[in-house]
N, C-alpha and C. Protein backbone atom coordinates (compact mmCIF):
# COMPACT_ATOMS: atom_id res chain seq x y z
N MET A 1 -50.60 -1.79 12.87
CA MET A 1 -49.36 -1.69 12.32
C MET A 1 -48.43 -2.79 13.02
N SER A 2 -47.74 -3.23 12.17
CA SER A 2 -46.85 -4.44 12.65
C SER A 2 -45.39 -4.04 12.73
N GLU A 3 -44.54 -4.86 13.31
CA GLU A 3 -43.19 -4.58 13.60
C GLU A 3 -42.52 -4.57 12.35
N ASP A 4 -42.87 -5.26 11.29
CA ASP A 4 -42.17 -5.19 10.10
C ASP A 4 -42.17 -3.85 9.26
N GLU A 5 -43.09 -3.01 9.61
CA GLU A 5 -43.12 -1.83 8.87
C GLU A 5 -42.08 -0.87 9.39
N PHE A 6 -41.54 -1.02 10.46
CA PHE A 6 -40.56 -0.21 11.22
C PHE A 6 -39.21 -0.58 10.88
N LEU A 7 -39.03 -1.79 10.39
CA LEU A 7 -37.47 -2.44 9.97
C LEU A 7 -37.10 -1.93 9.07
N PRO A 8 -35.85 -1.78 8.58
CA PRO A 8 -35.26 -1.40 7.32
C PRO A 8 -35.43 -2.51 6.48
N PRO A 9 -35.52 -2.26 5.17
CA PRO A 9 -35.65 -3.37 4.08
C PRO A 9 -34.52 -4.08 4.30
N PRO A 10 -34.49 -5.57 3.94
CA PRO A 10 -33.51 -6.31 4.04
C PRO A 10 -32.52 -6.14 2.64
N THR A 11 -31.11 -5.95 2.97
CA THR A 11 -30.45 -5.85 1.73
C THR A 11 -29.21 -6.86 1.74
N ALA A 12 -28.64 -7.11 0.70
CA ALA A 12 -27.59 -8.05 0.38
C ALA A 12 -26.38 -7.50 1.17
N ALA A 13 -25.76 -8.53 1.72
CA ALA A 13 -24.47 -8.02 2.38
C ALA A 13 -23.37 -7.90 1.49
N THR A 14 -23.02 -6.50 1.45
CA THR A 14 -22.06 -6.19 0.34
C THR A 14 -21.08 -4.98 0.99
N LEU A 15 -19.91 -4.99 0.54
CA LEU A 15 -18.90 -3.95 1.05
C LEU A 15 -18.79 -3.02 0.08
N SER A 16 -19.03 -1.80 0.69
CA SER A 16 -18.88 -0.66 -0.20
C SER A 16 -18.10 0.42 0.47
N LEU A 17 -16.88 0.83 -0.37
CA LEU A 17 -15.99 1.59 0.40
C LEU A 17 -16.11 3.01 -0.53
N SER A 18 -15.86 4.26 0.30
CA SER A 18 -15.81 5.26 -0.52
C SER A 18 -14.49 5.62 -1.08
N ARG A 19 -14.14 6.38 -2.05
CA ARG A 19 -12.91 6.57 -2.73
C ARG A 19 -11.81 6.99 -1.69
N SER A 20 -12.15 7.78 -0.76
CA SER A 20 -11.14 8.10 0.19
C SER A 20 -10.69 7.04 1.13
N THR A 21 -11.72 6.37 1.47
CA THR A 21 -11.30 5.04 2.29
C THR A 21 -10.52 4.02 1.60
N SER A 22 -10.88 3.75 0.44
CA SER A 22 -10.12 2.76 -0.26
C SER A 22 -8.80 3.31 -0.57
N ALA A 23 -8.57 4.53 -0.98
CA ALA A 23 -7.33 5.18 -1.29
C ALA A 23 -6.51 5.31 0.14
N GLY A 24 -7.01 5.36 1.18
CA GLY A 24 -6.40 5.22 2.40
C GLY A 24 -5.84 3.87 2.77
N LEU A 25 -6.69 2.92 2.51
CA LEU A 25 -6.32 1.48 2.56
C LEU A 25 -5.20 1.06 1.73
N ALA A 26 -5.19 1.50 0.38
CA ALA A 26 -4.22 1.23 -0.62
C ALA A 26 -2.93 1.92 -0.03
N GLY A 27 -3.03 3.09 0.34
CA GLY A 27 -1.90 3.74 0.89
C GLY A 27 -1.22 3.04 2.13
N LEU A 28 -2.04 2.38 3.05
CA LEU A 28 -1.73 1.75 4.07
C LEU A 28 -0.85 0.58 3.59
N LEU A 29 -1.43 -0.20 2.75
CA LEU A 29 -0.81 -1.50 1.97
C LEU A 29 0.58 -1.31 1.34
N ILE A 30 0.59 -0.06 0.70
CA ILE A 30 1.83 0.24 0.12
C ILE A 30 2.90 0.71 1.04
N GLY A 31 2.58 1.33 2.38
CA GLY A 31 3.48 1.57 3.32
C GLY A 31 4.01 0.29 4.13
N CYS A 32 2.97 -0.60 4.26
CA CYS A 32 3.31 -1.99 4.77
C CYS A 32 4.44 -2.85 3.83
N THR A 33 4.21 -2.50 2.40
CA THR A 33 5.11 -3.43 1.72
C THR A 33 6.44 -2.61 1.64
N LEU A 34 6.54 -1.32 1.87
CA LEU A 34 7.86 -0.67 1.76
C LEU A 34 8.36 -1.07 3.21
N LEU A 35 7.86 -1.25 4.18
CA LEU A 35 8.29 -1.67 5.47
C LEU A 35 8.96 -2.88 5.31
N VAL A 36 8.40 -3.96 4.67
CA VAL A 36 8.81 -5.39 4.76
C VAL A 36 10.06 -5.28 3.86
N SER A 37 9.98 -4.57 2.59
CA SER A 37 11.17 -4.54 1.87
C SER A 37 12.29 -3.70 2.45
N ALA A 38 12.23 -2.92 3.49
CA ALA A 38 13.02 -2.01 3.91
C ALA A 38 14.03 -3.15 4.92
N CYS A 39 13.21 -4.19 5.75
CA CYS A 39 13.75 -5.18 6.61
C CYS A 39 14.55 -5.98 5.86
N VAL A 40 13.86 -6.34 4.59
CA VAL A 40 14.82 -7.32 3.80
C VAL A 40 16.26 -6.80 3.41
N LEU A 41 16.12 -5.45 2.87
CA LEU A 41 17.34 -4.66 2.38
C LEU A 41 18.13 -4.47 3.49
N MET A 42 17.96 -4.30 4.75
CA MET A 42 18.56 -4.14 5.94
C MET A 42 19.60 -5.42 6.25
N VAL A 43 18.79 -6.53 6.18
CA VAL A 43 19.44 -7.75 6.19
C VAL A 43 20.41 -8.14 5.44
N PHE A 44 20.19 -7.75 3.88
CA PHE A 44 20.99 -7.98 2.82
C PHE A 44 22.24 -7.00 3.12
N ASN A 45 21.99 -5.78 3.40
CA ASN A 45 23.18 -4.87 3.78
C ASN A 45 24.03 -5.29 4.92
N VAL A 46 23.43 -6.08 5.96
CA VAL A 46 24.47 -6.43 6.91
C VAL A 46 25.16 -7.59 6.64
N ILE A 47 24.70 -8.57 5.82
CA ILE A 47 25.49 -9.71 5.24
C ILE A 47 26.37 -9.17 4.45
N LEU A 48 26.24 -8.36 3.34
CA LEU A 48 27.00 -7.73 2.46
C LEU A 48 28.18 -7.04 3.29
N PHE A 49 27.93 -6.25 4.50
CA PHE A 49 28.84 -5.60 5.02
C PHE A 49 29.85 -6.65 5.90
N SER A 50 29.31 -7.62 6.33
CA SER A 50 30.22 -8.63 7.06
C SER A 50 31.06 -9.49 6.17
N ARG A 51 30.38 -9.99 5.12
CA ARG A 51 31.33 -10.93 4.26
C ARG A 51 31.77 -10.39 2.94
N GLY A 52 31.09 -9.25 2.64
CA GLY A 52 31.52 -8.68 1.37
C GLY A 52 31.03 -9.35 0.24
N MET A 53 31.39 -9.17 -1.00
CA MET A 53 30.78 -9.69 -2.17
C MET A 53 31.29 -11.30 -2.46
N ARG A 54 31.95 -11.83 -1.44
CA ARG A 54 32.21 -13.38 -1.71
C ARG A 54 31.11 -14.15 -1.63
N GLY A 55 30.88 -14.84 -2.69
CA GLY A 55 29.66 -15.65 -2.89
C GLY A 55 28.26 -15.02 -3.21
N VAL A 56 28.41 -13.92 -3.74
CA VAL A 56 27.08 -13.11 -4.13
C VAL A 56 27.30 -13.18 -5.66
N PRO A 57 26.42 -13.70 -6.31
CA PRO A 57 26.56 -13.58 -7.78
C PRO A 57 26.13 -12.19 -8.21
N GLU A 58 27.02 -11.52 -9.03
CA GLU A 58 26.86 -10.17 -9.26
C GLU A 58 25.69 -9.93 -10.34
N GLU A 59 25.60 -10.68 -11.11
CA GLU A 59 24.46 -10.47 -12.21
C GLU A 59 23.08 -10.53 -11.42
N LEU A 60 23.05 -11.63 -10.55
CA LEU A 60 21.64 -11.73 -9.92
C LEU A 60 21.49 -10.31 -9.02
N ALA A 61 22.59 -10.20 -8.22
CA ALA A 61 22.54 -8.90 -7.37
C ALA A 61 22.12 -7.74 -8.25
N ARG A 62 22.59 -7.38 -9.36
CA ARG A 62 22.40 -6.23 -10.26
C ARG A 62 20.98 -6.39 -10.79
N ILE A 63 20.47 -7.34 -11.06
CA ILE A 63 19.14 -7.62 -11.41
C ILE A 63 18.06 -7.35 -10.28
N GLY A 64 18.42 -7.89 -9.14
CA GLY A 64 17.49 -7.66 -7.82
C GLY A 64 17.58 -6.07 -7.61
N GLY A 65 18.64 -5.60 -7.75
CA GLY A 65 18.73 -4.12 -7.51
C GLY A 65 17.87 -3.33 -8.30
N VAL A 66 17.90 -3.54 -9.59
CA VAL A 66 17.04 -2.92 -10.56
C VAL A 66 15.61 -3.30 -10.39
N ILE A 67 15.17 -4.42 -9.95
CA ILE A 67 14.05 -4.57 -9.73
C ILE A 67 13.37 -3.94 -8.39
N GLY A 68 14.17 -3.97 -7.44
CA GLY A 68 14.00 -3.12 -6.28
C GLY A 68 13.78 -1.70 -6.31
N VAL A 69 14.67 -0.98 -7.09
CA VAL A 69 14.70 0.37 -7.22
C VAL A 69 13.36 0.77 -8.16
N LEU A 70 13.03 -0.01 -9.32
CA LEU A 70 11.93 0.31 -10.06
C LEU A 70 10.61 -0.12 -9.12
N GLY A 71 10.62 -0.94 -8.24
CA GLY A 71 9.37 -1.30 -7.53
C GLY A 71 9.15 -0.34 -6.64
N VAL A 72 10.19 0.13 -5.95
CA VAL A 72 10.02 1.35 -4.84
C VAL A 72 9.60 2.52 -5.65
N ALA A 73 10.12 2.82 -6.70
CA ALA A 73 9.64 3.99 -7.46
C ALA A 73 8.25 3.94 -7.93
N LEU A 74 7.89 2.71 -8.40
CA LEU A 74 6.49 2.46 -8.71
C LEU A 74 5.52 2.77 -7.59
N LEU A 75 5.90 2.19 -6.41
CA LEU A 75 5.12 2.27 -5.18
C LEU A 75 5.10 3.71 -4.75
N GLY A 76 6.01 4.43 -4.83
CA GLY A 76 6.07 5.84 -4.45
C GLY A 76 5.32 6.69 -5.39
N ALA A 77 5.24 6.46 -6.63
CA ALA A 77 4.40 7.14 -7.44
C ALA A 77 2.88 6.97 -7.29
N LEU A 78 2.52 5.61 -6.95
CA LEU A 78 1.33 5.34 -6.73
C LEU A 78 0.74 5.89 -5.52
N ALA A 79 1.53 5.91 -4.41
CA ALA A 79 1.24 6.56 -3.40
C ALA A 79 0.89 7.99 -3.42
N VAL A 80 1.63 8.66 -4.20
CA VAL A 80 1.35 10.10 -4.45
C VAL A 80 0.08 10.16 -5.14
N LEU A 81 -0.14 9.42 -6.11
CA LEU A 81 -1.33 9.50 -7.10
C LEU A 81 -2.64 9.24 -6.19
N LEU A 82 -2.38 8.13 -5.29
CA LEU A 82 -3.60 7.80 -4.36
C LEU A 82 -3.75 8.85 -3.55
N GLY A 83 -2.76 9.49 -2.79
CA GLY A 83 -2.85 10.46 -2.07
C GLY A 83 -3.64 11.82 -2.37
N LEU A 84 -3.21 12.19 -3.79
CA LEU A 84 -3.93 13.26 -4.44
C LEU A 84 -5.32 12.96 -4.71
N ARG A 85 -5.68 11.70 -5.14
CA ARG A 85 -6.93 11.29 -5.28
C ARG A 85 -7.85 11.39 -4.04
N SER A 86 -7.34 10.83 -3.02
CA SER A 86 -7.76 10.93 -1.61
C SER A 86 -8.11 12.29 -1.12
N TRP A 87 -7.13 13.19 -1.55
CA TRP A 87 -7.13 14.54 -1.10
C TRP A 87 -8.35 15.16 -1.74
N GLY A 88 -8.59 14.99 -2.96
CA GLY A 88 -9.48 15.58 -3.76
C GLY A 88 -10.92 15.17 -3.17
N THR A 89 -11.10 13.80 -3.06
CA THR A 89 -12.33 13.37 -2.60
C THR A 89 -12.86 13.89 -0.98
N ALA A 90 -11.72 14.13 -0.35
CA ALA A 90 -11.92 14.62 1.02
C ALA A 90 -12.34 16.15 0.96
N ARG A 91 -11.70 16.78 0.04
CA ARG A 91 -12.11 18.26 -0.25
C ARG A 91 -13.69 18.40 -0.64
N ARG A 92 -14.15 17.25 -1.24
CA ARG A 92 -15.52 17.25 -1.82
C ARG A 92 -16.61 16.96 -0.79
N GLY A 93 -16.06 16.53 0.35
CA GLY A 93 -16.74 16.16 1.62
C GLY A 93 -16.98 14.86 1.96
N GLU A 94 -16.32 13.75 1.39
CA GLU A 94 -16.27 12.45 1.59
C GLU A 94 -15.55 12.20 2.89
N SER A 95 -15.63 10.92 3.32
CA SER A 95 -14.67 10.57 4.58
C SER A 95 -13.43 11.04 4.55
N ARG A 96 -12.88 11.54 5.61
CA ARG A 96 -11.55 11.90 5.75
C ARG A 96 -10.70 10.98 6.48
N ALA A 97 -11.31 9.96 7.16
CA ALA A 97 -10.76 9.08 8.15
C ALA A 97 -9.42 8.63 7.65
N LEU A 98 -9.41 7.71 6.68
CA LEU A 98 -8.20 7.20 6.16
C LEU A 98 -7.61 7.74 4.91
N GLY A 99 -8.21 8.90 4.59
CA GLY A 99 -7.57 9.48 3.28
C GLY A 99 -6.46 10.34 3.69
């Protein structure tokens, strides 16, 4: 018997994530996105509080507000859907680490 018979067969280097792990990573990415957008919003609110609406184009601010609200609502809905998907895969016995 040679040593080659005891070694596992060589496989290609691929990355395979279970559904619950990929959903957990997606949820982490959504949370980080919301954290960054919250910091930008806080800076905008401080500038708005200190100087008022002087020099702020109202139309651009309105468009930015609509985009921001829709973006946060979409990310929130996506987070709920990914959480439910992850919860379902965890109930079936897959990895619960990041889900």
